[in-house]
Every structure is written in C-alpha cells, then in structure tokens.
C-alpha cells in the first residue's frame, strides 16, 4: 500500500513557511504592486525551482512551498541531491 501524507491546501501553498527554500520561485514574487486587501489572492499554485527551471525539483518531487520548506529535502537550498 502506498502511504501518502495529506497536506491541506493552505499549508501546501503557504509561501510564508519557515525554512522555505531560497531556490523556490513563484509568479507573485515578480509583481511590483502592494497587495490589495479587497482582492482575493489568486493562489494559482504556479511554483518552480531555479535549479531545474520547472515545477519538479532536482530530486524529482514537486517544487511547491509545502515540499520546499524542509531542510531534510536533499536538494534544499543547494540543488544537489544525495
């Protein structure tokens, strides 16, 4: 049986995770405007790793805040696995 951990969406896409990998990027980082509290956040879930330039990290796992906030992930901050 394949056991997968269940992560709620608010944790999965939380860009304020402590220990977030500095190599993780998302579209919102490049929008030069103050957040408007009257507009609901898009939470579009578009994340990528600077080492692979796509949504899959060097270790073959998804590049998103929920996965990229653990220093135990082999590629965390370095892009190197192993």
PDB file of N, CA and C in Angstrom:
ATOM      1  N   UNK A   1       0.838  -1.181   0.000  1.00  0.00           N
ATOM      2  CA  UNK A   1       0.000   0.000   0.000  1.00  0.00           C
ATOM      3  C   UNK A   1       0.884   1.246   0.000  1.00  0.00           C
ATOM      4  N   UNK A   2       0.565   2.195  -0.839  1.00  0.00           N
ATOM      5  CA  UNK A   2       1.338   3.424  -0.966  1.00  0.00           C
ATOM      6  C   UNK A   2       0.765   4.466  -0.011  1.00  0.00           C
ATOM      7  N   UNK A   3       1.498   4.786   1.028  1.00  0.00           N
ATOM      8  CA  UNK A   3       1.041   5.767   2.008  1.00  0.00           C
ATOM      9  C   UNK A   3       1.530   7.151   1.605  1.00  0.00           C
ATOM     10  N   UNK A   4       0.581   8.066   1.422  1.00  0.00           N
ATOM     11  CA  UNK A   4       0.927   9.440   1.093  1.00  0.00           C
ATOM     12  C   UNK A   4       0.461  10.327   2.220  1.00  0.00           C
ATOM     13  N   UNK A   5       1.269  11.308   2.564  1.00  0.00           N
ATOM     14  CA  UNK A   5       0.837  12.234   3.601  1.00  0.00           C
ATOM     15  C   UNK A   5      -0.137  13.230   2.991  1.00  0.00           C
ATOM     16  N   UNK A   6      -1.166  13.557   3.746  1.00  0.00           N
ATOM     17  CA  UNK A   6      -2.166  14.502   3.296  1.00  0.00           C
ATOM     18  C   UNK A   6      -1.809  15.878   3.838  1.00  0.00           C
ATOM     19  N   UNK A   7      -1.723  16.842   2.953  1.00  0.00           N
ATOM     20  CA  UNK A   7      -1.378  18.210   3.332  1.00  0.00           C
ATOM     21  C   UNK A   7      -2.525  19.106   2.889  1.00  0.00           C
ATOM     22  N   UNK A   8      -3.029  19.929   3.797  1.00  0.00           N
ATOM     23  CA  UNK A   8      -4.110  20.824   3.409  1.00  0.00           C
ATOM     24  C   UNK A   8      -3.567  21.910   2.473  1.00  0.00           C
ATOM     25  N   UNK A   9      -4.443  22.419   1.636  1.00  0.00           N
ATOM     26  CA  UNK A   9      -4.026  23.377   0.617  1.00  0.00           C
ATOM     27  C   UNK A   9      -3.401  24.632   1.215  1.00  0.00           C
ATOM     28  N   UNK A  10      -3.901  25.078   2.366  1.00  0.00           N
ATOM     29  CA  UNK A  10      -3.331  26.285   2.971  1.00  0.00           C
ATOM     30  C   UNK A  10      -1.872  26.077   3.376  1.00  0.00           C
ATOM     31  N   UNK A  11      -1.498  24.868   3.777  1.00  0.00           N
ATOM     32  CA  UNK A  11      -0.098  24.572   4.094  1.00  0.00           C
ATOM     33  C   UNK A  11       0.707  24.314   2.829  1.00  0.00           C
ATOM     34  N   UNK A  12       0.088  23.643   1.888  1.00  0.00           N
ATOM     35  CA  UNK A  12       0.777  23.271   0.647  1.00  0.00           C
ATOM     36  C   UNK A  12       1.270  24.502  -0.125  1.00  0.00           C
ATOM     37  N   UNK A  13       0.464  25.562  -0.149  1.00  0.00           N
ATOM     38  CA  UNK A  13       0.808  26.745  -0.928  1.00  0.00           C
ATOM     39  C   UNK A  13       1.201  27.951  -0.069  1.00  0.00           C
ATOM     40  N   UNK A  14       1.524  27.737   1.195  1.00  0.00           N
ATOM     41  CA  UNK A  14       1.885  28.820   2.109  1.00  0.00           C
ATOM     42  C   UNK A  14       3.312  29.293   1.834  1.00  0.00           C
ATOM     43  N   UNK A  15       3.435  30.464   1.236  1.00  0.00           N
ATOM     44  CA  UNK A  15       4.764  30.994   0.883  1.00  0.00           C
ATOM     45  C   UNK A  15       5.473  31.617   2.079  1.00  0.00           C
ATOM     46  N   UNK A  16       4.844  31.589   3.243  1.00  0.00           N
ATOM     47  CA  UNK A  16       5.470  32.115   4.459  1.00  0.00           C
ATOM     48  C   UNK A  16       5.955  30.979   5.364  1.00  0.00           C
ATOM     49  N   UNK A  17       6.118  29.793   4.798  1.00  0.00           N
ATOM     50  CA  UNK A  17       6.642  28.647   5.558  1.00  0.00           C
ATOM     51  C   UNK A  17       8.016  29.000   6.130  1.00  0.00           C
ATOM     52  N   UNK A  18       8.270  28.668   7.383  1.00  0.00           N
ATOM     53  CA  UNK A  18       9.633  28.863   7.892  1.00  0.00           C
ATOM     54  C   UNK A  18      10.571  27.886   7.182  1.00  0.00           C
ATOM     55  N   UNK A  19      11.736  28.321   6.858  1.00  0.00           N
ATOM     56  CA  UNK A  19      12.702  27.448   6.193  1.00  0.00           C
ATOM     57  C   UNK A  19      12.432  27.225   4.717  1.00  0.00           C
ATOM     58  N   UNK A  20      11.637  28.084   4.095  1.00  0.00           N
ATOM     59  CA  UNK A  20      11.329  27.933   2.676  1.00  0.00           C
ATOM     60  C   UNK A  20      12.622  27.987   1.859  1.00  0.00           C
ATOM     61  N   UNK A  21      12.771  27.078   0.940  1.00  0.00           N
ATOM     62  CA  UNK A  21      13.986  27.005   0.123  1.00  0.00           C
ATOM     63  C   UNK A  21      14.168  28.299  -0.678  1.00  0.00           C
ATOM     64  N   UNK A  22      15.339  28.876  -0.657  1.00  0.00           N
ATOM     65  CA  UNK A  22      15.575  30.110  -1.406  1.00  0.00           C
ATOM     66  C   UNK A  22      15.557  29.904  -2.921  1.00  0.00           C
ATOM     67  N   UNK A  23      15.537  28.662  -3.364  1.00  0.00           N
ATOM     68  CA  UNK A  23      15.513  28.379  -4.800  1.00  0.00           C
ATOM     69  C   UNK A  23      14.098  28.283  -5.359  1.00  0.00           C
ATOM     70  N   UNK A  24      13.092  28.347  -4.493  1.00  0.00           N
ATOM     71  CA  UNK A  24      11.709  28.268  -4.947  1.00  0.00           C
ATOM     72  C   UNK A  24      11.258  29.630  -5.455  1.00  0.00           C
ATOM     73  N   UNK A  25      10.596  29.638  -6.589  1.00  0.00           N
ATOM     74  CA  UNK A  25      10.087  30.883  -7.179  1.00  0.00           C
ATOM     75  C   UNK A  25       8.601  30.721  -7.484  1.00  0.00           C
ATOM     76  N   UNK A  26       7.904  31.865  -7.526  1.00  0.00           N
ATOM     77  CA  UNK A  26       6.504  31.884  -7.916  1.00  0.00           C
ATOM     78  C   UNK A  26       6.207  33.227  -8.540  1.00  0.00           C
ATOM     79  N   UNK A  27       5.153  33.247  -9.330  1.00  0.00           N
ATOM     80  CA  UNK A  27       4.809  34.422 -10.119  1.00  0.00           C
ATOM     81  C   UNK A  27       4.648  35.677  -9.260  1.00  0.00           C
ATOM     82  N   UNK A  28       4.056  35.556  -8.092  1.00  0.00           N
ATOM     83  CA  UNK A  28       3.797  36.702  -7.230  1.00  0.00           C
ATOM     84  C   UNK A  28       5.051  37.448  -6.803  1.00  0.00           C
ATOM     85  N   UNK A  29       6.202  36.794  -6.832  1.00  0.00           N
ATOM     86  CA  UNK A  29       7.449  37.470  -6.463  1.00  0.00           C
ATOM     87  C   UNK A  29       7.816  38.577  -7.446  1.00  0.00           C
ATOM     88  N   UNK A  30       7.288  38.496  -8.639  1.00  0.00           N
ATOM     89  CA  UNK A  30       7.696  39.415  -9.697  1.00  0.00           C
ATOM     90  C   UNK A  30       6.640  40.481 -10.000  1.00  0.00           C
ATOM     91  N   UNK A  31       5.615  40.558  -9.157  1.00  0.00           N
ATOM     92  CA  UNK A  31       4.581  41.576  -9.319  1.00  0.00           C
ATOM     93  C   UNK A  31       4.928  42.730  -8.383  1.00  0.00           C
ATOM     94  N   UNK A  32       5.246  43.861  -8.959  1.00  0.00           N
ATOM     95  CA  UNK A  32       5.696  45.007  -8.180  1.00  0.00           C
ATOM     96  C   UNK A  32       4.520  45.907  -7.829  1.00  0.00           C
ATOM     97  N   UNK A  33       3.638  45.390  -6.982  1.00  0.00           N
ATOM     98  CA  UNK A  33       2.492  46.166  -6.522  1.00  0.00           C
ATOM     99  C   UNK A  33       2.182  45.760  -5.092  1.00  0.00           C
ATOM    100  N   UNK A  34       1.665  46.702  -4.340  1.00  0.00           N
ATOM    101  CA  UNK A  34       1.256  46.400  -2.972  1.00  0.00           C
ATOM    102  C   UNK A  34       0.018  45.504  -3.019  1.00  0.00           C
ATOM    103  N   UNK A  35      -0.065  44.516  -2.129  1.00  0.00           N
ATOM    104  CA  UNK A  35      -1.263  43.673  -2.096  1.00  0.00           C
ATOM    105  C   UNK A  35      -2.503  44.501  -1.774  1.00  0.00           C
ATOM    106  N   UNK A  36      -3.582  44.216  -2.457  1.00  0.00           N
ATOM    107  CA  UNK A  36      -4.853  44.902  -2.235  1.00  0.00           C
ATOM    108  C   UNK A  36      -5.735  44.006  -1.381  1.00  0.00           C
ATOM    109  N   UNK A  37      -5.998  44.379  -0.134  1.00  0.00           N
ATOM    110  CA  UNK A  37      -6.780  43.520   0.749  1.00  0.00           C
ATOM    111  C   UNK A  37      -8.216  43.295   0.281  1.00  0.00           C
ATOM    112  N   UNK A  38      -8.709  44.121  -0.660  1.00  0.00           N
ATOM    113  CA  UNK A  38     -10.072  43.940  -1.159  1.00  0.00           C
ATOM    114  C   UNK A  38     -10.140  42.911  -2.281  1.00  0.00           C
ATOM    115  N   UNK A  39      -8.981  42.484  -2.762  1.00  0.00           N
ATOM    116  CA  UNK A  39      -8.941  41.497  -3.844  1.00  0.00           C
ATOM    117  C   UNK A  39      -8.483  40.164  -3.273  1.00  0.00           C
ATOM    118  N   UNK A  40      -9.265  39.139  -3.544  1.00  0.00           N
ATOM    119  CA  UNK A  40      -8.943  37.806  -3.046  1.00  0.00           C
ATOM    120  C   UNK A  40      -7.659  37.303  -3.715  1.00  0.00           C
ATOM    121  N   UNK A  41      -6.723  36.700  -2.951  1.00  0.00           N
ATOM    122  CA  UNK A  41      -5.486  36.200  -3.565  1.00  0.00           C
ATOM    123  C   UNK A  41      -5.792  35.076  -4.557  1.00  0.00           C
ATOM    124  N   UNK A  42      -5.006  35.007  -5.607  1.00  0.00           N
ATOM    125  CA  UNK A  42      -5.266  34.010  -6.651  1.00  0.00           C
ATOM    126  C   UNK A  42      -4.824  32.614  -6.238  1.00  0.00           C
ATOM    127  N   UNK A  43      -3.751  32.529  -5.428  1.00  0.00           N
ATOM    128  CA  UNK A  43      -3.231  31.213  -5.022  1.00  0.00           C
ATOM    129  C   UNK A  43      -3.167  30.262  -6.210  1.00  0.00           C
ATOM    130  N   UNK A  44      -2.555  30.742  -7.285  1.00  0.00           N
ATOM    131  CA  UNK A  44      -2.562  29.987  -8.534  1.00  0.00           C
ATOM    132  C   UNK A  44      -1.713  28.725  -8.495  1.00  0.00           C
ATOM    133  N   UNK A  45      -0.845  28.593  -7.516  1.00  0.00           N
ATOM    134  CA  UNK A  45      -0.060  27.371  -7.392  1.00  0.00           C
ATOM    135  C   UNK A  45       1.006  27.194  -8.456  1.00  0.00           C
ATOM    136  N   UNK A  46       1.456  28.281  -9.052  1.00  0.00           N
ATOM    137  CA  UNK A  46       2.498  28.196 -10.074  1.00  0.00           C
ATOM    138  C   UNK A  46       3.852  28.438  -9.424  1.00  0.00           C
ATOM    139  N   UNK A  47       4.569  27.362  -9.142  1.00  0.00           N
ATOM    140  CA  UNK A  47       5.872  27.423  -8.492  1.00  0.00           C
ATOM    141  C   UNK A  47       6.895  26.705  -9.351  1.00  0.00           C
ATOM    142  N   UNK A  48       8.156  27.132  -9.247  1.00  0.00           N
ATOM    143  CA  UNK A  48       9.223  26.432  -9.951  1.00  0.00           C
ATOM    144  C   UNK A  48      10.515  26.536  -9.161  1.00  0.00           C
ATOM    145  N   UNK A  49      11.430  25.663  -9.489  1.00  0.00           N
ATOM    146  CA  UNK A  49      12.740  25.607  -8.850  1.00  0.00           C
ATOM    147  C   UNK A  49      13.758  26.280  -9.772  1.00  0.00           C
ATOM    148  N   UNK A  50      14.602  27.111  -9.202  1.00  0.00           N
ATOM    149  CA  UNK A  50      15.600  27.794 -10.038  1.00  0.00           C
ATOM    150  C   UNK A  50      16.652  26.834 -10.580  1.00  0.00           C
ATOM    151  N   UNK A  51      16.816  25.691  -9.942  1.00  0.00           N
ATOM    152  CA  UNK A  51      17.824  24.732 -10.402  1.00  0.00           C
ATOM    153  C   UNK A  51      17.359  23.926 -11.607  1.00  0.00           C
ATOM    154  N   UNK A  52      16.056  23.614 -11.665  1.00  0.00           N
ATOM    155  CA  UNK A  52      15.535  22.820 -12.777  1.00  0.00           C
ATOM    156  C   UNK A  52      14.750  23.661 -13.772  1.00  0.00           C
ATOM    157  N   UNK A  53      14.354  24.859 -13.360  1.00  0.00           N
ATOM    158  CA  UNK A  53      13.545  25.768 -14.173  1.00  0.00           C
ATOM    159  C   UNK A  53      12.182  25.184 -14.543  1.00  0.00           C
ATOM    160  N   UNK A  54      11.660  24.287 -13.687  1.00  0.00           N
ATOM    161  CA  UNK A  54      10.300  23.797 -13.875  1.00  0.00           C
ATOM    162  C   UNK A  54       9.692  23.419 -12.529  1.00  0.00           C
ATOM    163  N   UNK A  55       8.528  22.819 -12.560  1.00  0.00           N
ATOM    164  CA  UNK A  55       7.786  22.553 -11.319  1.00  0.00           C
ATOM    165  C   UNK A  55       8.263  21.301 -10.590  1.00  0.00           C
ATOM    166  N   UNK A  56       9.257  20.636 -11.108  1.00  0.00           N
ATOM    167  CA  UNK A  56       9.830  19.446 -10.468  1.00  0.00           C
ATOM    168  C   UNK A  56      11.237  19.804  -9.994  1.00  0.00           C
ATOM    169  N   UNK A  57      11.498  19.536  -8.720  1.00  0.00           N
ATOM    170  CA  UNK A  57      12.818  19.825  -8.162  1.00  0.00           C
ATOM    171  C   UNK A  57      13.859  18.826  -8.605  1.00  0.00           C
ATOM    172  N   UNK A  58      15.119  19.049  -8.272  1.00  0.00           N
ATOM    173  CA  UNK A  58      16.209  18.154  -8.660  1.00  0.00           C
ATOM    174  C   UNK A  58      16.043  16.724  -8.145  1.00  0.00           C
ATOM    175  N   UNK A  59      15.247  16.573  -7.079  1.00  0.00           N
ATOM    176  CA  UNK A  59      15.035  15.239  -6.512  1.00  0.00           C
ATOM    177  C   UNK A  59      13.813  14.529  -7.093  1.00  0.00           C
ATOM    178  N   UNK A  60      13.166  15.151  -8.085  1.00  0.00           N
ATOM    179  CA  UNK A  60      12.017  14.528  -8.730  1.00  0.00           C
ATOM    180  C   UNK A  60      10.691  14.781  -8.033  1.00  0.00           C
ATOM    181  N   UNK A  61      10.692  15.578  -6.971  1.00  0.00           N
ATOM    182  CA  UNK A  61       9.466  15.905  -6.241  1.00  0.00           C
ATOM    183  C   UNK A  61       8.960  17.284  -6.665  1.00  0.00           C
ATOM    184  N   UNK A  62       7.671  17.530  -6.413  1.00  0.00           N
ATOM    185  CA  UNK A  62       7.079  18.824  -6.760  1.00  0.00           C
ATOM    186  C   UNK A  62       7.782  19.973  -6.054  1.00  0.00           C
ATOM    187  N   UNK A  63       7.978  21.050  -6.766  1.00  0.00           N
ATOM    188  CA  UNK A  63       8.545  22.272  -6.195  1.00  0.00           C
ATOM    189  C   UNK A  63       7.383  23.175  -5.807  1.00  0.00           C
ATOM    190  N   UNK A  64       7.037  23.138  -4.538  1.00  0.00           N
ATOM    191  CA  UNK A  64       5.992  23.995  -4.001  1.00  0.00           C
ATOM    192  C   UNK A  64       6.272  24.187  -2.516  1.00  0.00           C
ATOM    193  N   UNK A  65       5.749  25.245  -1.908  1.00  0.00           N
ATOM    194  CA  UNK A  65       6.106  25.569  -0.525  1.00  0.00           C
ATOM    195  C   UNK A  65       5.962  24.421   0.464  1.00  0.00           C
ATOM    196  N   UNK A  66       4.914  23.634   0.347  1.00  0.00           N
ATOM    197  CA  UNK A  66       4.718  22.532   1.283  1.00  0.00           C
ATOM    198  C   UNK A  66       5.832  21.513   1.242  1.00  0.00           C
ATOM    199  N   UNK A  67       6.434  21.323   0.079  1.00  0.00           N
ATOM    200  CA  UNK A  67       7.545  20.377  -0.081  1.00  0.00           C
ATOM    201  C   UNK A  67       8.903  21.037   0.100  1.00  0.00           C
ATOM    202  N   UNK A  68       8.987  22.309  -0.220  1.00  0.00           N
ATOM    203  CA  UNK A  68      10.279  23.001  -0.249  1.00  0.00           C
ATOM    204  C   UNK A  68      10.570  23.802   1.019  1.00  0.00           C
ATOM    205  N   UNK A  69       9.993  23.385   2.126  1.00  0.00           N
ATOM    206  CA  UNK A  69      10.257  24.099   3.371  1.00  0.00           C
ATOM    207  C   UNK A  69      10.932  23.199   4.394  1.00  0.00           C
ATOM    208  N   UNK A  70      11.367  22.048   3.948  1.00  0.00           N
ATOM    209  CA  UNK A  70      12.023  21.108   4.862  1.00  0.00           C
ATOM    210  C   UNK A  70      13.488  20.974   4.502  1.00  0.00           C
ATOM    211  N   UNK A  71      14.350  21.334   5.437  1.00  0.00           N
ATOM    212  CA  UNK A  71      15.789  21.211   5.202  1.00  0.00           C
ATOM    213  C   UNK A  71      16.184  19.747   5.016  1.00  0.00           C
ATOM    214  N   UNK A  72      15.298  18.824   5.387  1.00  0.00           N
ATOM    215  CA  UNK A  72      15.591  17.400   5.204  1.00  0.00           C
ATOM    216  C   UNK A  72      15.495  16.978   3.736  1.00  0.00           C
ATOM    217  N   UNK A  73      14.923  17.815   2.899  1.00  0.00           N
ATOM    218  CA  UNK A  73      14.860  17.512   1.464  1.00  0.00           C
ATOM    219  C   UNK A  73      16.273  17.659   0.906  1.00  0.00           C
ATOM    220  N   UNK A  74      16.748  16.648   0.225  1.00  0.00           N
ATOM    221  CA  UNK A  74      18.141  16.589  -0.209  1.00  0.00           C
ATOM    222  C   UNK A  74      18.638  17.787  -1.005  1.00  0.00           C
ATOM    223  N   UNK A  75      17.775  18.369  -1.799  1.00  0.00           N
ATOM    224  CA  UNK A  75      18.213  19.470  -2.668  1.00  0.00           C
ATOM    225  C   UNK A  75      17.972  20.841  -2.041  1.00  0.00           C
ATOM    226  N   UNK A  76      17.455  20.900  -0.832  1.00  0.00           N
ATOM    227  CA  UNK A  76      17.057  22.165  -0.187  1.00  0.00           C
ATOM    228  C   UNK A  76      18.196  23.180  -0.183  1.00  0.00           C
ATOM    229  N   UNK A  77      18.015  24.258  -0.939  1.00  0.00           N
ATOM    230  CA  UNK A  77      18.973  25.360  -0.956  1.00  0.00           C
ATOM    231  C   UNK A  77      20.213  25.145  -1.805  1.00  0.00           C
ATOM    232  N   UNK A  78      20.474  23.907  -2.220  1.00  0.00           N
ATOM    233  CA  UNK A  78      21.697  23.645  -2.972  1.00  0.00           C
ATOM    234  C   UNK A  78      21.442  23.171  -4.398  1.00  0.00           C
ATOM    235  N   UNK A  79      20.285  22.538  -4.622  1.00  0.00           N
ATOM    236  CA  UNK A  79      20.006  21.964  -5.921  1.00  0.00           C
ATOM    237  C   UNK A  79      20.681  20.640  -6.149  1.00  0.00           C
ATOM    238  N   UNK A  80      21.424  20.175  -5.145  1.00  0.00           N
ATOM    239  CA  UNK A  80      22.135  18.899  -5.257  1.00  0.00           C
ATOM    240  C   UNK A  80      21.407  17.822  -4.476  1.00  0.00           C
ATOM    241  N   UNK A  81      21.338  16.666  -5.039  1.00  0.00           N
ATOM    242  CA  UNK A  81      20.683  15.538  -4.378  1.00  0.00           C
ATOM    243  C   UNK A  81      21.744  14.529  -3.956  1.00  0.00           C
ATOM    244  N   UNK A  82      21.582  14.044  -2.756  1.00  0.00           N
ATOM    245  CA  UNK A  82      22.496  12.988  -2.320  1.00  0.00           C
ATOM    246  C   UNK A  82      23.613  13.414  -1.443  1.00  0.00           C
TER     247      UNK A  82
END
